[in-house]
Amino acid sequence: MNAVHPVRRARQIEEIVPVISVVVPLHDEAASIAPLTAQILEILTGQAFELILVDDGSQDETRAELLRLARHEPRIRVLGHDRAAGQSAAIHSGARAARGRIVATLDGDGQNPPVNLPALIAPLMDPRRDPALALVAGQRIGRRDTPGRRLASRFANGLRGWLLGDRTRDTGCGLKAFDRAAYLALPYFNHQHRFLPALFLRDGWKIAHVDVTHAPRLAGRSKYTNLGRALVGITDLAGVAWLIRRRKRETPHEIAAGAGA
């Protein structure tokens, strides 16, 4: 059997309309992205998907590495912010550019193993699924963080859950899958990605949870500190609580022209 010419193969891939768009936000992750990308491409073999890599104003060689990868893999698309705007902004940019009806996200540092992606995507792909299901959120088990970070995360998640009632023990996990249209209808703000369960519930959607694994960083260092997370988290938490209280409570239903007196 004759092999398919590489150029023709690339065109065939580009012509496939993806069902799934995997969005990876990146900031100074030049050393991590190649092995992470290889894992994503391998684990989603056989799926109609695209991989959107979003460079959020990196100061290292991240963008050059992304472009190198894209030249050899037609399923990869590269987006760039001229300056760092944050993880939520990168996810939002990726989702807006996505062609798939399902968007899956994971962090670019390698701590969210791509092997978890199929379990997150499956509930949204199931033809028998509840049409109100719009978000599948990963919840980390066996976290590979410092004791201090785990303790701070546990406290923050407990406080957030108590105030917002989002039924999620770990909203900081980057592994998520959601309905693209439902996500883009949510109110956007910086650090939005940490409050997605509450925001989807606010809009009347259902959410599900999947336990996912966690791994050490492939390279580099964390962009966040416990104090930094706490300072922005307090303001964001108050804002999201306000949004929930001000949500629209009425759902319209169409009335036929000939109905009623």
C-alpha atoms as a PDB file:
ATOM      1  CA  MET A   1       0.000   0.000   0.000  1.00  0.00           C
ATOM      2  CA  ASN A   2       1.416   3.392  -1.019  1.00  0.00           C
ATOM      3  CA  ALA A   3       2.142   5.913   1.721  1.00  0.00           C
ATOM      4  CA  VAL A   4       0.227   9.195   1.653  1.00  0.00           C
ATOM      5  CA  HIS A   5       2.382  12.149   0.623  1.00  0.00           C
ATOM      6  CA  PRO A   6       3.102  14.398   3.670  1.00  0.00           C
ATOM      7  CA  VAL A   7       1.604  17.519   2.037  1.00  0.00           C
ATOM      8  CA  ARG A   8      -1.557  15.654   1.031  1.00  0.00           C
ATOM      9  CA  ARG A   9      -1.781  14.177   4.517  1.00  0.00           C
ATOM     10  CA  ALA A  10      -1.524  17.659   6.037  1.00  0.00           C
ATOM     11  CA  ARG A  11      -4.324  18.937   3.806  1.00  0.00           C
ATOM     12  CA  GLN A  12      -6.524  15.979   4.746  1.00  0.00           C
ATOM     13  CA  ILE A  13      -6.055  16.757   8.437  1.00  0.00           C
ATOM     14  CA  GLU A  14      -6.800  20.452   7.920  1.00  0.00           C
ATOM     15  CA  GLU A  15     -10.025  19.617   6.075  1.00  0.00           C
ATOM     16  CA  ILE A  16     -11.361  17.611   9.042  1.00  0.00           C
ATOM     17  CA  VAL A  17     -13.594  19.828  11.158  1.00  0.00           C
ATOM     18  CA  PRO A  18     -12.523  19.141  14.750  1.00  0.00           C
ATOM     19  CA  VAL A  19     -15.046  18.165  17.389  1.00  0.00           C
ATOM     20  CA  ILE A  20     -12.543  18.787  20.179  1.00  0.00           C
ATOM     21  CA  SER A  21     -10.256  21.782  20.630  1.00  0.00           C
ATOM     22  CA  VAL A  22      -7.522  21.339  23.223  1.00  0.00           C
ATOM     23  CA  VAL A  23      -6.366  24.710  24.540  1.00  0.00           C
ATOM     24  CA  VAL A  24      -3.058  25.031  26.401  1.00  0.00           C
ATOM     25  CA  PRO A  25      -2.154  28.414  27.968  1.00  0.00           C
ATOM     26  CA  LEU A  26       1.603  28.995  28.119  1.00  0.00           C
ATOM     27  CA  HIS A  27       3.928  31.541  29.696  1.00  0.00           C
ATOM     28  CA  ASP A  28       7.685  30.857  29.651  1.00  0.00           C
ATOM     29  CA  GLU A  29       7.311  27.102  29.141  1.00  0.00           C
ATOM     30  CA  ALA A  30       9.811  26.557  26.309  1.00  0.00           C
ATOM     31  CA  ALA A  31      11.319  23.458  27.917  1.00  0.00           C
ATOM     32  CA  SER A  32       7.969  21.821  28.688  1.00  0.00           C
ATOM     33  CA  ILE A  33       5.885  22.247  25.559  1.00  0.00           C
ATOM     34  CA  ALA A  34       7.484  19.693  23.199  1.00  0.00           C
ATOM     35  CA  PRO A  35       7.049  16.641  25.486  1.00  0.00           C
ATOM     36  CA  LEU A  36       3.607  17.842  26.569  1.00  0.00           C
ATOM     37  CA  THR A  37       2.476  18.295  22.962  1.00  0.00           C
ATOM     38  CA  ALA A  38       3.739  14.844  22.004  1.00  0.00           C
ATOM     39  CA  GLN A  39       1.686  13.300  24.823  1.00  0.00           C
ATOM     40  CA  ILE A  40      -1.478  15.161  23.789  1.00  0.00           C
ATOM     41  CA  LEU A  41      -1.158  14.132  20.139  1.00  0.00           C
ATOM     42  CA  GLU A  42      -0.594  10.510  21.141  1.00  0.00           C
ATOM     43  CA  ILE A  43      -3.421  10.235  23.665  1.00  0.00           C
ATOM     44  CA  LEU A  44      -5.996  11.754  21.271  1.00  0.00           C
ATOM     45  CA  THR A  45      -5.034   9.643  18.251  1.00  0.00           C
ATOM     46  CA  GLY A  46      -8.194   8.710  16.363  1.00  0.00           C
ATOM     47  CA  GLN A  47     -10.153  11.762  17.546  1.00  0.00           C
ATOM     48  CA  ALA A  48     -11.148  14.714  15.370  1.00  0.00           C
ATOM     49  CA  PHE A  49      -9.256  17.389  17.278  1.00  0.00           C
ATOM     50  CA  GLU A  50      -7.069  20.454  17.053  1.00  0.00           C
ATOM     51  CA  LEU A  51      -4.441  21.644  19.503  1.00  0.00           C
ATOM     52  CA  ILE A  52      -4.379  25.386  20.209  1.00  0.00           C
ATOM     53  CA  LEU A  53      -1.222  26.576  21.955  1.00  0.00           C
ATOM     54  CA  VAL A  54      -1.565  30.091  23.386  1.00  0.00           C
ATOM     55  CA  ASP A  55       1.635  31.982  24.134  1.00  0.00           C
ATOM     56  CA  ASP A  56       0.734  34.514  26.814  1.00  0.00           C
ATOM     57  CA  GLY A  57       3.517  37.046  26.315  1.00  0.00           C
ATOM     58  CA  SER A  58       6.417  34.701  27.062  1.00  0.00           C
ATOM     59  CA  GLN A  59       9.893  36.183  27.532  1.00  0.00           C
ATOM     60  CA  ASP A  60      11.788  32.981  26.755  1.00  0.00           C
ATOM     61  CA  GLU A  61      11.854  30.844  23.596  1.00  0.00           C
ATOM     62  CA  THR A  62       8.297  29.540  24.017  1.00  0.00           C
ATOM     63  CA  ARG A  63       6.898  31.204  20.900  1.00  0.00           C
ATOM     64  CA  ALA A  64       9.736  30.022  18.682  1.00  0.00           C
ATOM     65  CA  GLU A  65       9.274  26.489  19.994  1.00  0.00           C
ATOM     66  CA  LEU A  66       5.516  26.608  19.335  1.00  0.00           C
ATOM     67  CA  LEU A  67       6.057  27.711  15.749  1.00  0.00           C
ATOM     68  CA  ARG A  68       8.620  24.969  15.239  1.00  0.00           C
ATOM     69  CA  LEU A  69       6.120  22.372  16.453  1.00  0.00           C
ATOM     70  CA  ALA A  70       3.340  23.800  14.277  1.00  0.00           C
ATOM     71  CA  ARG A  71       5.475  23.552  11.145  1.00  0.00           C
ATOM     72  CA  HIS A  72       5.643  19.782  11.604  1.00  0.00           C
ATOM     73  CA  GLU A  73       2.089  19.130  12.855  1.00  0.00           C
ATOM     74  CA  PRO A  74      -0.939  20.587  10.989  1.00  0.00           C
ATOM     75  CA  ARG A  75      -3.284  19.956  13.914  1.00  0.00           C
ATOM     76  CA  ILE A  76      -1.383  22.542  15.962  1.00  0.00           C
ATOM     77  CA  ARG A  77      -2.454  26.178  15.884  1.00  0.00           C
ATOM     78  CA  VAL A  78      -0.494  28.928  17.627  1.00  0.00           C
ATOM     79  CA  LEU A  79      -1.999  32.056  19.161  1.00  0.00           C
ATOM     80  CA  GLY A  80       0.002  34.823  20.813  1.00  0.00           C
ATOM     81  CA  HIS A  81      -0.544  37.706  23.221  1.00  0.00           C
ATOM     82  CA  ASP A  82       1.969  40.519  22.791  1.00  0.00           C
ATOM     83  CA  ARG A  83       2.139  40.876  26.568  1.00  0.00           C
ATOM     84  CA  ALA A  84       1.198  38.619  29.447  1.00  0.00           C
ATOM     85  CA  ALA A  85      -2.519  38.829  30.210  1.00  0.00           C
ATOM     86  CA  GLY A  86      -2.935  35.820  32.501  1.00  0.00           C
ATOM     87  CA  GLN A  87      -4.160  32.252  32.282  1.00  0.00           C
ATOM     88  CA  SER A  88      -7.843  33.127  32.018  1.00  0.00           C
ATOM     89  CA  ALA A  89      -7.167  35.480  29.114  1.00  0.00           C
ATOM     90  CA  ALA A  90      -5.166  32.795  27.300  1.00  0.00           C
ATOM     91  CA  ILE A  91      -7.914  30.201  27.771  1.00  0.00           C
ATOM     92  CA  HIS A  92     -10.546  32.689  26.600  1.00  0.00           C
ATOM     93  CA  SER A  93      -8.526  33.583  23.489  1.00  0.00           C
ATOM     94  CA  GLY A  94      -8.079  29.897  22.695  1.00  0.00           C
ATOM     95  CA  ALA A  95     -11.765  29.117  23.158  1.00  0.00           C
ATOM     96  CA  ARG A  96     -12.815  32.009  20.926  1.00  0.00           C
ATOM     97  CA  ALA A  97     -10.506  30.763  18.170  1.00  0.00           C
ATOM     98  CA  ALA A  98     -11.523  27.109  18.631  1.00  0.00           C
ATOM     99  CA  ARG A  99     -13.431  25.255  15.917  1.00  0.00           C
ATOM    100  CA  GLY A 100     -14.534  22.340  18.089  1.00  0.00           C
ATOM    101  CA  ARG A 101     -17.821  22.360  19.991  1.00  0.00           C
ATOM    102  CA  ILE A 102     -15.966  20.875  22.981  1.00  0.00           C
ATOM    103  CA  VAL A 103     -12.979  22.669  24.484  1.00  0.00           C
ATOM    104  CA  ALA A 104     -10.556  20.857  26.785  1.00  0.00           C
ATOM    105  CA  THR A 105      -7.913  22.706  28.771  1.00  0.00           C
ATOM    106  CA  LEU A 106      -4.762  21.770  30.659  1.00  0.00           C
ATOM    107  CA  ASP A 107      -1.829  23.710  32.042  1.00  0.00           C
ATOM    108  CA  GLY A 108       1.345  24.029  29.991  1.00  0.00           C
ATOM    109  CA  ASP A 109       3.816  23.064  32.719  1.00  0.00           C
ATOM    110  CA  GLY A 110       3.211  19.312  32.496  1.00  0.00           C
ATOM    111  CA  GLN A 111       1.501  19.003  35.894  1.00  0.00           C
ATOM    112  CA  ASN A 112      -1.787  18.026  34.202  1.00  0.00           C
ATOM    113  CA  PRO A 113      -1.027  14.668  32.514  1.00  0.00           C
ATOM    114  CA  PRO A 114      -2.763  14.475  29.095  1.00  0.00           C
ATOM    115  CA  VAL A 115      -3.694  10.848  29.810  1.00  0.00           C
ATOM    116  CA  ASN A 116      -6.674  12.321  31.706  1.00  0.00           C
ATOM    117  CA  LEU A 117      -8.151  14.057  28.650  1.00  0.00           C
ATOM    118  CA  PRO A 118     -10.309  11.158  27.345  1.00  0.00           C
ATOM    119  CA  ALA A 119     -12.085  10.796  30.709  1.00  0.00           C
ATOM    120  CA  LEU A 120     -12.916  14.512  30.731  1.00  0.00           C
ATOM    121  CA  ILE A 121     -14.132  14.602  27.141  1.00  0.00           C
ATOM    122  CA  ALA A 122     -16.169  11.369  27.184  1.00  0.00           C
ATOM    123  CA  PRO A 123     -19.208  12.659  29.161  1.00  0.00           C
ATOM    124  CA  LEU A 124     -19.648  15.553  26.716  1.00  0.00           C
ATOM    125  CA  MET A 125     -19.292  13.244  23.699  1.00  0.00           C
ATOM    126  CA  ASP A 126     -21.824  10.705  24.962  1.00  0.00           C
ATOM    127  CA  PRO A 127     -24.943  10.857  22.717  1.00  0.00           C
ATOM    128  CA  ARG A 128     -27.065   9.927  25.755  1.00  0.00           C
ATOM    129  CA  ARG A 129     -25.724  12.738  27.921  1.00  0.00           C
ATOM    130  CA  ASP A 130     -27.970  15.205  29.675  1.00  0.00           C
ATOM    131  CA  PRO A 131     -28.146  18.202  27.287  1.00  0.00           C
ATOM    132  CA  ALA A 132     -27.777  20.484  30.312  1.00  0.00           C
ATOM    133  CA  LEU A 133     -24.284  19.106  31.061  1.00  0.00           C
ATOM    134  CA  ALA A 134     -21.776  21.754  30.000  1.00  0.00           C
ATOM    135  CA  LEU A 135     -18.677  21.330  32.175  1.00  0.00           C
ATOM    136  CA  VAL A 136     -16.590  18.358  33.285  1.00  0.00           C
ATOM    137  CA  ALA A 137     -14.049  19.507  35.867  1.00  0.00           C
ATOM    138  CA  GLY A 138     -10.963  17.572  36.866  1.00  0.00           C
ATOM    139  CA  GLN A 139     -10.193  17.202  40.572  1.00  0.00           C
ATOM    140  CA  ARG A 140      -6.633  16.280  41.452  1.00  0.00           C
ATOM    141  CA  ILE A 141      -5.714  13.269  43.540  1.00  0.00           C
ATOM    142  CA  GLY A 142      -2.190  12.571  44.785  1.00  0.00           C
ATOM    143  CA  ARG A 143      -1.116  16.182  44.287  1.00  0.00           C
ATOM    144  CA  ARG A 144       2.605  16.704  43.657  1.00  0.00           C
ATOM    145  CA  ASP A 145       2.824  20.128  45.343  1.00  0.00           C
ATOM    146  CA  THR A 146       4.516  21.348  48.497  1.00  0.00           C
ATOM    147  CA  PRO A 147       2.645  20.873  51.800  1.00  0.00           C
ATOM    148  CA  GLY A 148       2.233  24.650  52.049  1.00  0.00           C
ATOM    149  CA  ARG A 149       0.610  24.891  48.630  1.00  0.00           C
ATOM    150  CA  ARG A 150      -1.692  21.953  49.334  1.00  0.00           C
ATOM    151  CA  LEU A 151      -2.791  23.504  52.633  1.00  0.00           C
ATOM    152  CA  ALA A 152      -3.416  26.912  51.050  1.00  0.00           C
ATOM    153  CA  SER A 153      -5.378  25.291  48.228  1.00  0.00           C
ATOM    154  CA  ARG A 154      -7.489  23.273  50.666  1.00  0.00           C
ATOM    155  CA  PHE A 155      -8.369  26.399  52.638  1.00  0.00           C
ATOM    156  CA  ALA A 156      -9.182  28.426  49.498  1.00  0.00           C
ATOM    157  CA  ASN A 157     -11.335  25.671  48.022  1.00  0.00           C
ATOM    158  CA  GLY A 158     -13.209  25.245  51.296  1.00  0.00           C
ATOM    159  CA  LEU A 159     -13.927  28.964  51.591  1.00  0.00           C
ATOM    160  CA  ARG A 160     -14.968  29.239  47.955  1.00  0.00           C
ATOM    161  CA  GLY A 161     -17.241  26.210  48.169  1.00  0.00           C
ATOM    162  CA  TRP A 162     -18.903  27.564  51.318  1.00  0.00           C
ATOM    163  CA  LEU A 163     -19.582  30.981  49.770  1.00  0.00           C
ATOM    164  CA  LEU A 164     -20.457  29.948  46.223  1.00  0.00           C
ATOM    165  CA  GLY A 165     -21.886  26.448  46.636  1.00  0.00           C
ATOM    166  CA  ASP A 166     -20.119  25.260  43.486  1.00  0.00           C
ATOM    167  CA  ARG A 167     -19.932  21.596  44.637  1.00  0.00           C
ATOM    168  CA  THR A 168     -16.276  21.380  43.554  1.00  0.00           C
ATOM    169  CA  ARG A 169     -13.370  20.555  45.847  1.00  0.00           C
ATOM    170  CA  ASP A 170     -10.589  21.628  43.438  1.00  0.00           C
ATOM    171  CA  THR A 171     -11.394  24.450  41.022  1.00  0.00           C
ATOM    172  CA  GLY A 172      -7.703  25.274  40.561  1.00  0.00           C
ATOM    173  CA  CYS A 173      -7.124  22.148  38.466  1.00  0.00           C
ATOM    174  CA  GLY A 174      -6.330  23.107  34.869  1.00  0.00           C
ATOM    175  CA  LEU A 175      -7.863  19.919  33.451  1.00  0.00           C
ATOM    176  CA  LYS A 176     -11.380  20.778  32.303  1.00  0.00           C
ATOM    177  CA  ALA A 177     -13.665  20.120  29.335  1.00  0.00           C
ATOM    178  CA  PHE A 178     -16.673  22.243  28.475  1.00  0.00           C
ATOM    179  CA  ASP A 179     -19.214  23.191  25.854  1.00  0.00           C
ATOM    180  CA  ARG A 180     -17.630  26.044  23.897  1.00  0.00           C
ATOM    181  CA  ALA A 181     -20.830  28.040  23.300  1.00  0.00           C
ATOM    182  CA  ALA A 182     -21.867  27.827  26.956  1.00  0.00           C
ATOM    183  CA  TYR A 183     -18.404  28.935  28.080  1.00  0.00           C
ATOM    184  CA  LEU A 184     -18.289  31.948  25.765  1.00  0.00           C
ATOM    185  CA  ALA A 185     -21.642  33.119  27.154  1.00  0.00           C
ATOM    186  CA  LEU A 186     -20.196  33.345  30.692  1.00  0.00           C
ATOM    187  CA  PRO A 187     -19.148  36.731  32.114  1.00  0.00           C
ATOM    188  CA  TYR A 188     -15.411  37.089  31.515  1.00  0.00           C
ATOM    189  CA  PHE A 189     -12.909  38.564  33.991  1.00  0.00           C
ATOM    190  CA  ASN A 190      -9.296  37.980  34.960  1.00  0.00           C
ATOM    191  CA  HIS A 191      -8.837  34.754  37.011  1.00  0.00           C
ATOM    192  CA  GLN A 192     -12.182  33.523  35.643  1.00  0.00           C
ATOM    193  CA  HIS A 193     -10.764  30.014  35.136  1.00  0.00           C
ATOM    194  CA  ARG A 194     -10.754  29.410  38.915  1.00  0.00           C
ATOM    195  CA  PHE A 195     -14.506  29.956  39.151  1.00  0.00           C
ATOM    196  CA  LEU A 196     -15.844  28.063  36.150  1.00  0.00           C
ATOM    197  CA  PRO A 197     -17.993  25.556  38.109  1.00  0.00           C
ATOM    198  CA  ALA A 198     -19.793  28.379  39.927  1.00  0.00           C
ATOM    199  CA  LEU A 199     -20.252  30.369  36.725  1.00  0.00           C
ATOM    200  CA  PHE A 200     -21.656  27.419  34.754  1.00  0.00           C
ATOM    201  CA  LEU A 201     -24.063  26.656  37.603  1.00  0.00           C
ATOM    202  CA  ARG A 202     -25.052  30.322  37.727  1.00  0.00           C
ATOM    203  CA  ASP A 203     -26.139  30.128  34.077  1.00  0.00           C
ATOM    204  CA  GLY A 204     -28.282  27.051  34.731  1.00  0.00           C
ATOM    205  CA  TRP A 205     -25.907  24.383  33.399  1.00  0.00           C
ATOM    206  CA  LYS A 206     -25.028  21.098  35.054  1.00  0.00           C
ATOM    207  CA  ILE A 207     -21.449  20.135  35.887  1.00  0.00           C
ATOM    208  CA  ALA A 208     -19.687  16.820  36.474  1.00  0.00           C
ATOM    209  CA  HIS A 209     -16.398  15.891  38.123  1.00  0.00           C
ATOM    210  CA  VAL A 210     -13.636  13.446  37.238  1.00  0.00           C
ATOM    211  CA  ASP A 211     -10.699  12.511  39.463  1.00  0.00           C
ATOM    212  CA  VAL A 212      -7.440  13.204  37.619  1.00  0.00           C
ATOM    213  CA  THR A 213      -3.767  12.578  38.287  1.00  0.00           C
ATOM    214  CA  HIS A 214      -1.114  15.185  39.004  1.00  0.00           C
ATOM    215  CA  ALA A 215       2.574  15.302  38.136  1.00  0.00           C
ATOM    216  CA  PRO A 216       5.674  17.364  38.955  1.00  0.00           C
ATOM    217  CA  ARG A 217       6.473  20.280  36.660  1.00  0.00           C
ATOM    218  CA  LEU A 218       8.403  19.233  33.565  1.00  0.00           C
ATOM    219  CA  ALA A 219      10.626  22.316  33.848  1.00  0.00           C
ATOM    220  CA  GLY A 220      10.730  25.883  35.115  1.00  0.00           C
ATOM    221  CA  ARG A 221       8.958  27.231  38.184  1.00  0.00           C
ATOM    222  CA  SER A 222       5.451  28.195  39.244  1.00  0.00           C
ATOM    223  CA  LYS A 223       4.096  31.604  38.208  1.00  0.00           C
ATOM    224  CA  TYR A 224       2.073  31.933  41.430  1.00  0.00           C
ATOM    225  CA  THR A 225       2.748  32.284  45.154  1.00  0.00           C
ATOM    226  CA  ASN A 226       0.359  31.407  47.966  1.00  0.00           C
ATOM    227  CA  LEU A 227       0.168  35.086  49.004  1.00  0.00           C
ATOM    228  CA  GLY A 228      -0.432  36.233  45.425  1.00  0.00           C
ATOM    229  CA  ARG A 229      -3.251  33.751  44.952  1.00  0.00           C
ATOM    230  CA  ALA A 230      -4.852  34.825  48.238  1.00  0.00           C
ATOM    231  CA  LEU A 231      -4.762  38.556  47.506  1.00  0.00           C
ATOM    232  CA  VAL A 232      -6.447  38.298  44.112  1.00  0.00           C
ATOM    233  CA  GLY A 233      -8.686  35.448  45.261  1.00  0.00           C
ATOM    234  CA  ILE A 234     -10.453  37.505  47.936  1.00  0.00           C
ATOM    235  CA  THR A 235     -11.521  40.194  45.474  1.00  0.00           C
ATOM    236  CA  ASP A 236     -12.522  37.670  42.817  1.00  0.00           C
ATOM    237  CA  LEU A 237     -14.509  35.612  45.317  1.00  0.00           C
ATOM    238  CA  ALA A 238     -16.528  38.647  46.366  1.00  0.00           C
ATOM    239  CA  GLY A 239     -17.151  39.536  42.711  1.00  0.00           C
ATOM    240  CA  VAL A 240     -18.355  36.059  41.761  1.00  0.00           C
ATOM    241  CA  ALA A 241     -20.626  35.931  44.818  1.00  0.00           C
ATOM    242  CA  TRP A 242     -22.128  39.220  43.624  1.00  0.00           C
ATOM    243  CA  LEU A 243     -22.626  37.838  40.105  1.00  0.00           C
ATOM    244  CA  ILE A 244     -24.418  34.772  41.471  1.00  0.00           C
ATOM    245  CA  ARG A 245     -26.790  36.894  43.557  1.00  0.00           C
ATOM    246  CA  ARG A 246     -27.568  39.061  40.510  1.00  0.00           C
ATOM    247  CA  ARG A 247     -28.180  36.201  38.102  1.00  0.00           C
ATOM    248  CA  LYS A 248     -31.223  36.123  35.847  1.00  0.00           C
ATOM    249  CA  ARG A 249     -33.832  33.889  37.486  1.00  0.00           C
ATOM    250  CA  GLU A 250     -36.538  33.719  34.842  1.00  0.00           C
ATOM    251  CA  THR A 251     -36.418  31.392  31.818  1.00  0.00           C
ATOM    252  CA  PRO A 252     -38.598  32.418  28.842  1.00  0.00           C
ATOM    253  CA  HIS A 253     -40.720  29.979  26.878  1.00  0.00           C
ATOM    254  CA  GLU A 254     -42.164  30.578  23.447  1.00  0.00           C
ATOM    255  CA  ILE A 255     -45.927  31.005  23.196  1.00  0.00           C
ATOM    256  CA  ALA A 256     -47.723  30.010  19.983  1.00  0.00           C
ATOM    257  CA  ALA A 257     -49.516  32.864  18.202  1.00  0.00           C
ATOM    258  CA  GLY A 258     -52.904  31.096  18.410  1.00  0.00           C
ATOM    259  CA  ALA A 259     -52.677  30.189  22.095  1.00  0.00           C
ATOM    260  CA  GLY A 260     -54.844  31.795  24.744  1.00  0.00           C
ATOM    261  CA  ALA A 261     -57.686  34.259  24.498  1.00  0.00           C
END
